[in-house]
Amino acid sequence: MEFVRIKDVNHPLTRVIKDDPVRPHIPIEQRINSHSEIMMLVDSERVLAVTCMSWLGDIPTREQDLVDLPKQTSIAVFYTIWSYSPGAGAELLRQAAGRLLEEYSAEIKAIVTLSPPTEMARRFHLKNGAKEYRRNTDTVNYGYYLKDNNVSLGTTHTTGTVPSTL
């Protein structure tokens, strides 16, 4: 299994965004730019799981915030995830969070989601170590990581670490 970060809109693996079950309407240019990227787990040429992530200066409450909020490498927001193989989505989140914390340890304050308010999303994130941070009108934020008290995720895992259950 290989962890792949896609930062080029012309990358051949971007073809899989058509399968996005959560936010299929978001264009490729919003998914890949100076503050957003697509991350995947790939086995040879077979895609196992996909997530899209944006860097923001605050925790979003709605999808439009992905466009409107300031872009900073302080809050990593996973706003969609899907899997073609059992367990691959959880593994992708674990690896993605670990890589982001490794690369951006000085800047990163939190790793959160912008999830649909569905039972499926709730079960997935809670099972994989997240805590519910906030219920919004049309979304829910789940928190996977909190660096310090500047960002409050309620009851979280050990400050400054990626949960081993992720």
Protein backbone atom coordinates (compact mmCIF):
# COMPACT_ATOMS: atom_id res chain seq x y z
CA MET A 1 0.00 0.00 0.00
CA GLU A 2 1.36 3.39 -0.98
CA PHE A 3 0.30 6.78 0.39
CA VAL A 4 -0.04 9.26 -2.49
CA ARG A 5 -0.49 13.04 -2.32
CA ILE A 6 -1.90 14.61 -5.45
CA LYS A 7 -1.09 18.27 -5.99
CA ASP A 8 -1.49 18.45 -9.78
CA VAL A 9 -4.96 18.76 -11.37
CA ASN A 10 -3.67 16.81 -14.38
CA HIS A 11 -2.56 13.76 -12.39
CA PRO A 12 -4.21 10.64 -13.91
CA LEU A 13 -5.57 9.45 -10.54
CA THR A 14 -7.78 12.55 -10.23
CA ARG A 15 -10.26 10.61 -12.37
CA VAL A 16 -11.63 9.05 -9.16
CA ILE A 17 -13.24 12.29 -7.93
CA LYS A 18 -16.27 11.33 -10.01
CA ASP A 19 -16.90 8.64 -7.36
CA ASP A 20 -17.00 11.11 -4.43
CA PRO A 21 -20.19 10.17 -2.52
CA VAL A 22 -20.11 13.20 -0.19
CA ARG A 23 -19.23 16.26 -2.31
CA PRO A 24 -19.18 15.22 -5.99
CA HIS A 25 -20.00 18.77 -7.13
CA ILE A 26 -16.72 20.30 -5.88
CA PRO A 27 -14.54 21.00 -8.94
CA ILE A 28 -11.00 19.67 -9.27
CA GLU A 29 -9.55 23.21 -9.04
CA GLN A 30 -11.01 23.57 -5.56
CA ARG A 31 -9.69 20.15 -4.51
CA ILE A 32 -6.14 20.79 -5.74
CA ASN A 33 -4.54 24.22 -5.36
CA SER A 34 -2.03 26.02 -3.15
CA HIS A 35 -4.01 25.16 0.01
CA SER A 36 -5.83 21.93 -0.93
CA GLU A 37 -4.86 18.46 -2.06
CA ILE A 38 -6.14 14.95 -2.63
CA MET A 39 -4.62 12.05 -0.69
CA MET A 40 -4.97 8.38 -1.59
CA LEU A 41 -3.97 4.90 -0.64
CA VAL A 42 -2.98 3.01 -3.77
CA ASP A 43 -2.00 -0.62 -4.34
CA SER A 44 -0.13 -0.76 -7.67
CA GLU A 45 -2.56 1.14 -9.92
CA ARG A 46 -5.63 0.30 -7.83
CA VAL A 47 -6.99 3.13 -5.68
CA LEU A 48 -8.06 1.84 -2.25
CA ALA A 49 -9.26 5.07 -0.56
CA VAL A 50 -9.44 8.81 -1.26
CA THR A 51 -9.73 11.93 0.89
CA CYS A 52 -9.69 15.63 0.06
CA MET A 53 -8.11 18.10 2.48
CA SER A 54 -7.93 21.89 2.72
CA TRP A 55 -5.80 24.09 4.95
CA LEU A 56 -7.82 26.79 6.66
CA GLY A 57 -7.30 29.39 9.36
CA ASP A 58 -10.43 28.34 11.25
CA ILE A 59 -12.72 25.33 11.61
CA PRO A 60 -15.42 25.53 8.92
CA THR A 61 -19.13 25.20 9.69
CA ARG A 62 -20.38 24.92 6.10
CA GLU A 63 -19.06 23.86 2.73
CA GLN A 64 -18.77 27.45 1.47
CA ASP A 65 -16.20 28.07 4.24
CA LEU A 66 -13.78 25.90 2.26
CA VAL A 67 -13.71 28.80 -0.20
CA ASP A 68 -14.38 31.78 2.09
CA LEU A 69 -12.18 31.20 5.17
CA PRO A 70 -8.55 32.39 5.23
CA LYS A 71 -6.06 29.82 3.92
CA GLN A 72 -3.36 28.96 6.49
CA THR A 73 -1.45 25.84 7.41
CA SER A 74 -2.99 25.76 10.86
CA ILE A 75 -6.22 23.73 10.55
CA ALA A 76 -6.25 20.65 8.27
CA VAL A 77 -9.84 19.96 7.20
CA PHE A 78 -10.78 16.62 5.66
CA TYR A 79 -14.06 17.32 3.88
CA THR A 80 -14.70 14.08 2.01
CA ILE A 81 -13.49 10.49 2.16
CA TRP A 82 -14.44 7.31 0.37
CA SER A 83 -13.06 3.82 0.10
CA TYR A 84 -12.98 1.05 -2.46
CA SER A 85 -11.63 -1.51 0.01
CA PRO A 86 -12.72 -2.36 3.59
CA GLY A 87 -10.59 -0.60 6.21
CA ALA A 88 -8.73 1.52 3.66
CA GLY A 89 -10.52 4.76 4.61
CA ALA A 90 -9.46 4.49 8.25
CA GLU A 91 -5.91 3.61 7.22
CA LEU A 92 -5.79 6.58 4.85
CA LEU A 93 -6.90 9.00 7.57
CA ARG A 94 -4.30 7.58 9.96
CA GLN A 95 -1.51 7.95 7.42
CA ALA A 96 -2.65 11.37 6.20
CA ALA A 97 -2.85 12.78 9.74
CA GLY A 98 0.56 11.34 10.56
CA ARG A 99 2.16 12.84 7.46
CA LEU A 100 0.62 16.25 8.05
CA LEU A 101 1.81 16.29 11.67
CA GLU A 102 5.28 15.25 10.56
CA GLU A 103 5.54 17.89 7.84
CA TYR A 104 3.75 20.79 9.53
CA SER A 105 4.45 20.17 13.22
CA ALA A 106 5.25 23.82 13.92
CA GLU A 107 2.16 25.26 12.18
CA ILE A 108 -0.63 22.73 12.62
CA LYS A 109 -3.13 23.38 15.42
CA ALA A 110 -5.88 20.88 14.58
CA ILE A 111 -7.00 18.14 12.25
CA VAL A 112 -10.78 18.11 11.81
CA THR A 113 -13.47 17.08 9.37
CA LEU A 114 -16.34 18.85 7.67
CA SER A 115 -18.71 15.90 7.54
CA PRO A 116 -22.32 15.36 6.57
CA PRO A 117 -24.68 14.95 9.56
CA THR A 118 -25.27 11.26 8.85
CA GLU A 119 -25.12 8.26 11.15
CA MET A 120 -22.64 6.60 8.77
CA ALA A 121 -20.19 9.53 9.05
CA ARG A 122 -20.67 9.65 12.82
CA ARG A 123 -19.95 5.93 13.28
CA PHE A 124 -16.92 6.07 10.97
CA HIS A 125 -15.23 9.00 12.70
CA LEU A 126 -16.01 7.99 16.28
CA LYS A 127 -14.86 4.42 15.58
CA ASN A 128 -11.59 5.80 14.21
CA GLY A 129 -10.73 7.92 17.23
CA ALA A 130 -12.32 11.30 16.52
CA LYS A 131 -14.44 13.26 18.95
CA GLU A 132 -17.47 15.25 17.89
CA TYR A 133 -16.46 18.90 18.06
CA ARG A 134 -19.50 20.77 16.77
CA ARG A 135 -22.85 20.21 15.08
CA ASN A 136 -23.59 22.87 12.49
CA THR A 137 -26.73 23.52 10.44
CA ASP A 138 -25.79 21.12 7.59
CA THR A 139 -22.48 19.63 8.73
CA VAL A 140 -20.63 18.14 11.70
CA ASN A 141 -17.00 18.71 12.66
CA TYR A 142 -15.12 15.74 14.12
CA GLY A 143 -11.73 16.39 15.71
CA TYR A 144 -8.77 14.04 15.33
CA TYR A 145 -5.96 16.20 16.69
CA LEU A 146 -5.51 19.22 18.94
CA LYS A 147 -2.14 20.86 19.44
CA ASP A 148 -2.89 23.34 22.19
CA ASN A 149 -5.63 25.30 23.88
CA ASN A 150 -5.93 27.84 21.05
CA VAL A 151 -8.36 25.44 19.35
CA SER A 152 -10.88 23.65 21.52
CA LEU A 153 -12.18 20.28 20.38
CA GLY A 154 -13.93 19.45 23.63
CA THR A 155 -12.82 16.11 25.05
CA THR A 156 -10.01 14.98 22.79
CA HIS A 157 -7.18 12.50 22.67
CA THR A 158 -3.84 13.20 24.25
CA THR A 159 -2.82 16.71 23.21
CA GLY A 160 -0.23 16.77 20.46
CA THR A 161 -0.58 13.19 19.26
CA VAL A 162 -2.37 11.21 16.57
CA PRO A 163 -4.62 8.63 18.20
CA SER A 164 -3.30 5.10 17.66
CA THR A 165 -6.86 3.99 16.94
CA LEU A 166 -7.07 6.25 13.88
